[in-house]
Amino acid sequence: MSSWQNPTSAVSLVDYPPLYSLQAKENKEAQYRVWTDLIIAYTKSKKMWSISLQAFPLFSRPQINRDAPMELRKEIIEYMKDHGRALWIGSSQRLQAYILRDSVNTWVDTIVNSLREKAVTNPVQSHELVEDVDYTGDAFYGMPDDLMEMLLQQAVKSGKMVSFKTGDDVSYKLVSAK
């Protein structure tokens, strides 16, 4: 059971003052893992796909007079990115990130498997996968279009799909399974 689903455990974790401070190298890995679990559980429970590092509620805990410094917030998301659980959004300032409930590779497999199960042979665009009624039962339905685009690009990099551009639009097609 995730710590966010267990209120006693979640309260004790988010009320632990050292969680909000930059830690020594030997403690950082454990600190980042705790933050990763908390962030994923929170965003999943709230059905959120992205967070703002400036406004995400878990980074501030007035009850114990603690705020995670921006440097720590960015390090946490960078750790999550390195472990396939976050992707930066937009600018080089790195103030927003997509939070992935599953790893990038798992999402790619989920998308590819869905297309194969539905026997999709025509090219698709990212907005179709997140908005089309044919995909309402899929875990990625409702995902932000930009995030789906990033995942489809990863599917291309991993050789599971190919992409081609027509005008301003990019379409994706499954690579035939052999």
Protein backbone atom coordinates (compact mmCIF):
# COMPACT_ATOMS: atom_id res chain seq x y z
CA MET A 1 0.00 0.00 0.00
CA SER A 2 1.37 3.39 -0.93
CA SER A 3 2.19 5.78 1.88
CA TRP A 4 -0.23 8.30 0.40
CA GLN A 5 -3.11 5.81 0.70
CA ASN A 6 -2.20 5.15 4.32
CA PRO A 7 -2.91 8.47 6.07
CA THR A 8 -0.91 7.63 9.18
CA SER A 9 2.19 6.82 7.17
CA ALA A 10 1.73 9.76 4.78
CA VAL A 11 1.27 12.23 7.60
CA SER A 12 4.39 11.02 9.35
CA LEU A 13 6.43 11.27 6.14
CA VAL A 14 5.29 14.72 5.07
CA ASP A 15 5.72 15.98 8.63
CA TYR A 16 9.33 14.79 8.83
CA PRO A 17 11.40 18.04 8.73
CA PRO A 18 14.60 16.59 7.17
CA LEU A 19 12.56 15.61 4.12
CA TYR A 20 12.46 19.33 3.20
CA SER A 21 16.21 19.95 3.47
CA LEU A 22 19.09 19.19 1.14
CA GLN A 23 20.66 16.02 2.54
CA ALA A 24 24.19 14.70 2.55
CA LYS A 25 25.13 12.49 -0.38
CA GLU A 26 24.69 9.26 1.60
CA ASN A 27 21.06 10.18 2.44
CA LYS A 28 19.97 11.69 -0.88
CA GLU A 29 19.00 8.44 -2.60
CA ALA A 30 16.64 7.48 0.23
CA GLN A 31 15.23 11.01 0.37
CA TYR A 32 14.60 11.03 -3.39
CA ARG A 33 12.91 7.61 -3.26
CA VAL A 34 10.56 8.83 -0.51
CA TRP A 35 9.74 11.97 -2.49
CA THR A 36 9.18 9.90 -5.66
CA ASP A 37 6.70 7.64 -3.86
CA LEU A 38 4.90 10.60 -2.28
CA ILE A 39 4.66 12.58 -5.52
CA ILE A 40 3.45 9.63 -7.59
CA ALA A 41 0.89 8.58 -4.98
CA TYR A 42 -0.38 12.15 -4.58
CA THR A 43 -0.68 12.88 -8.30
CA LYS A 44 -2.32 9.52 -8.93
CA SER A 45 -4.86 10.10 -6.14
CA LYS A 46 -5.66 13.56 -7.54
CA LYS A 47 -5.63 12.36 -11.18
CA MET A 48 -2.92 14.90 -12.00
CA TRP A 49 -0.55 14.49 -14.93
CA SER A 50 1.78 17.38 -14.12
CA ILE A 51 3.03 19.54 -11.29
CA SER A 52 4.38 23.04 -10.91
CA LEU A 53 7.49 23.08 -8.76
CA GLN A 54 6.44 26.47 -7.40
CA ALA A 55 2.91 25.48 -6.38
CA PHE A 56 2.90 21.72 -5.71
CA PRO A 57 1.34 21.35 -2.24
CA LEU A 58 3.63 18.58 -0.97
CA PHE A 59 6.70 20.81 -1.31
CA SER A 60 5.36 23.16 1.34
CA ARG A 61 4.33 22.11 4.84
CA PRO A 62 3.25 25.15 6.91
CA GLN A 63 2.19 22.87 9.79
CA ILE A 64 5.87 22.22 10.52
CA ASN A 65 7.16 25.49 9.05
CA ARG A 66 8.96 23.76 6.17
CA ASP A 67 9.34 24.47 2.46
CA ALA A 68 11.55 22.41 0.18
CA PRO A 69 14.01 24.80 -1.49
CA MET A 70 13.72 25.09 -5.27
CA GLU A 71 17.12 23.42 -5.68
CA LEU A 72 15.82 20.33 -3.86
CA ARG A 73 12.56 20.35 -5.83
CA LYS A 74 14.50 20.34 -9.10
CA GLU A 75 16.86 17.61 -7.87
CA ILE A 76 13.88 15.43 -6.94
CA ILE A 77 12.29 15.79 -10.36
CA GLU A 78 15.65 15.24 -12.07
CA TYR A 79 16.02 12.02 -10.04
CA MET A 80 12.52 10.99 -11.09
CA LYS A 81 13.37 11.79 -14.73
CA ASP A 82 16.54 9.71 -14.52
CA HIS A 83 14.41 6.81 -13.22
CA GLY A 84 11.76 7.19 -15.94
CA ARG A 85 9.11 8.67 -13.65
CA ALA A 86 9.06 12.33 -14.77
CA LEU A 87 9.58 14.45 -17.86
CA TRP A 88 10.33 18.17 -17.82
CA ILE A 89 7.80 20.43 -19.49
CA GLY A 90 8.92 23.24 -21.73
CA SER A 91 11.45 25.86 -20.80
CA SER A 92 14.98 25.48 -19.57
CA GLN A 93 13.93 26.96 -16.21
CA ARG A 94 12.47 23.56 -15.31
CA LEU A 95 9.52 24.71 -13.26
CA GLN A 96 6.96 22.15 -14.45
CA ALA A 97 7.10 18.42 -14.97
CA TYR A 98 4.92 15.56 -16.07
CA ILE A 99 4.73 12.88 -13.40
CA LEU A 100 4.51 9.33 -14.69
CA ARG A 101 2.55 6.77 -12.69
CA ASP A 102 4.51 4.12 -14.55
CA SER A 103 7.93 4.28 -16.16
CA VAL A 104 8.40 5.70 -19.66
CA ASN A 105 9.06 2.19 -20.98
CA THR A 106 5.92 0.83 -19.35
CA TRP A 107 3.84 3.63 -20.89
CA VAL A 108 5.36 2.95 -24.31
CA ASP A 109 4.50 -0.75 -23.96
CA THR A 110 0.96 0.13 -22.82
CA ILE A 111 0.42 2.32 -25.88
CA VAL A 112 1.93 -0.19 -28.31
CA ASN A 113 -0.02 -3.09 -26.79
CA SER A 114 -3.28 -1.13 -26.99
CA LEU A 115 -2.72 -0.38 -30.67
CA ARG A 116 -1.88 -4.03 -31.37
CA GLU A 117 -4.91 -5.31 -29.42
CA LYS A 118 -7.15 -2.95 -31.40
CA ALA A 119 -5.42 -4.06 -34.64
CA VAL A 120 -4.66 -0.46 -35.57
CA THR A 121 -2.81 -0.47 -38.87
CA ASN A 122 -3.28 3.15 -39.90
CA PRO A 123 -1.05 5.94 -38.64
CA VAL A 124 -2.26 7.72 -35.49
CA GLN A 125 -1.60 11.14 -34.03
CA SER A 126 -1.08 11.79 -30.35
CA HIS A 127 -4.35 13.69 -29.89
CA GLU A 128 -6.33 10.71 -31.23
CA LEU A 129 -4.94 8.44 -28.52
CA VAL A 130 -5.81 10.80 -25.66
CA GLU A 131 -9.18 12.06 -26.97
CA ASP A 132 -10.76 9.46 -29.28
CA VAL A 133 -13.66 7.43 -27.92
CA ASP A 134 -11.91 4.22 -29.06
CA TYR A 135 -9.35 4.71 -26.28
CA THR A 136 -11.58 5.73 -23.34
CA GLY A 137 -10.79 2.49 -21.50
CA ASP A 138 -7.03 2.90 -21.85
CA ALA A 139 -4.85 4.20 -19.01
CA PHE A 140 -3.45 6.93 -21.26
CA TYR A 141 -6.87 8.33 -22.24
CA GLY A 142 -7.06 11.96 -21.10
CA MET A 143 -3.28 12.29 -20.90
CA PRO A 144 -1.97 15.70 -22.05
CA ASP A 145 -1.23 15.68 -25.77
CA ASP A 146 2.35 16.91 -25.24
CA LEU A 147 3.07 14.03 -22.87
CA MET A 148 1.63 11.50 -25.31
CA GLU A 149 3.81 13.04 -28.03
CA MET A 150 6.90 12.55 -25.84
CA LEU A 151 5.96 8.91 -25.22
CA LEU A 152 5.33 8.26 -28.91
CA GLN A 153 8.74 9.74 -29.71
CA GLN A 154 10.22 7.32 -27.19
CA ALA A 155 8.39 4.47 -28.94
CA VAL A 156 10.10 5.57 -32.16
CA LYS A 157 13.51 5.66 -30.44
CA SER A 158 12.94 2.15 -29.11
CA GLY A 159 12.05 0.88 -32.59
CA LYS A 160 8.44 0.00 -31.77
CA MET A 161 6.94 2.71 -33.96
CA VAL A 162 7.92 4.89 -36.89
CA SER A 163 6.99 8.52 -37.35
CA PHE A 164 6.45 10.65 -40.39
CA LYS A 165 5.51 14.27 -40.87
CA THR A 166 2.73 15.54 -43.10
CA GLY A 167 2.65 19.32 -43.10
CA ASP A 168 2.66 20.38 -39.46
CA ASP A 169 1.35 17.04 -38.20
CA VAL A 170 3.39 14.09 -37.00
CA SER A 171 1.83 10.65 -37.31
CA TYR A 172 2.98 7.38 -35.79
CA LYS A 173 2.63 3.83 -37.00
CA LEU A 174 3.43 0.53 -35.35
CA VAL A 175 6.41 -1.38 -36.61
CA SER A 176 5.17 -4.77 -37.80
CA ALA A 177 5.74 -7.51 -35.25
CA LYS A 178 7.78 -10.34 -36.72
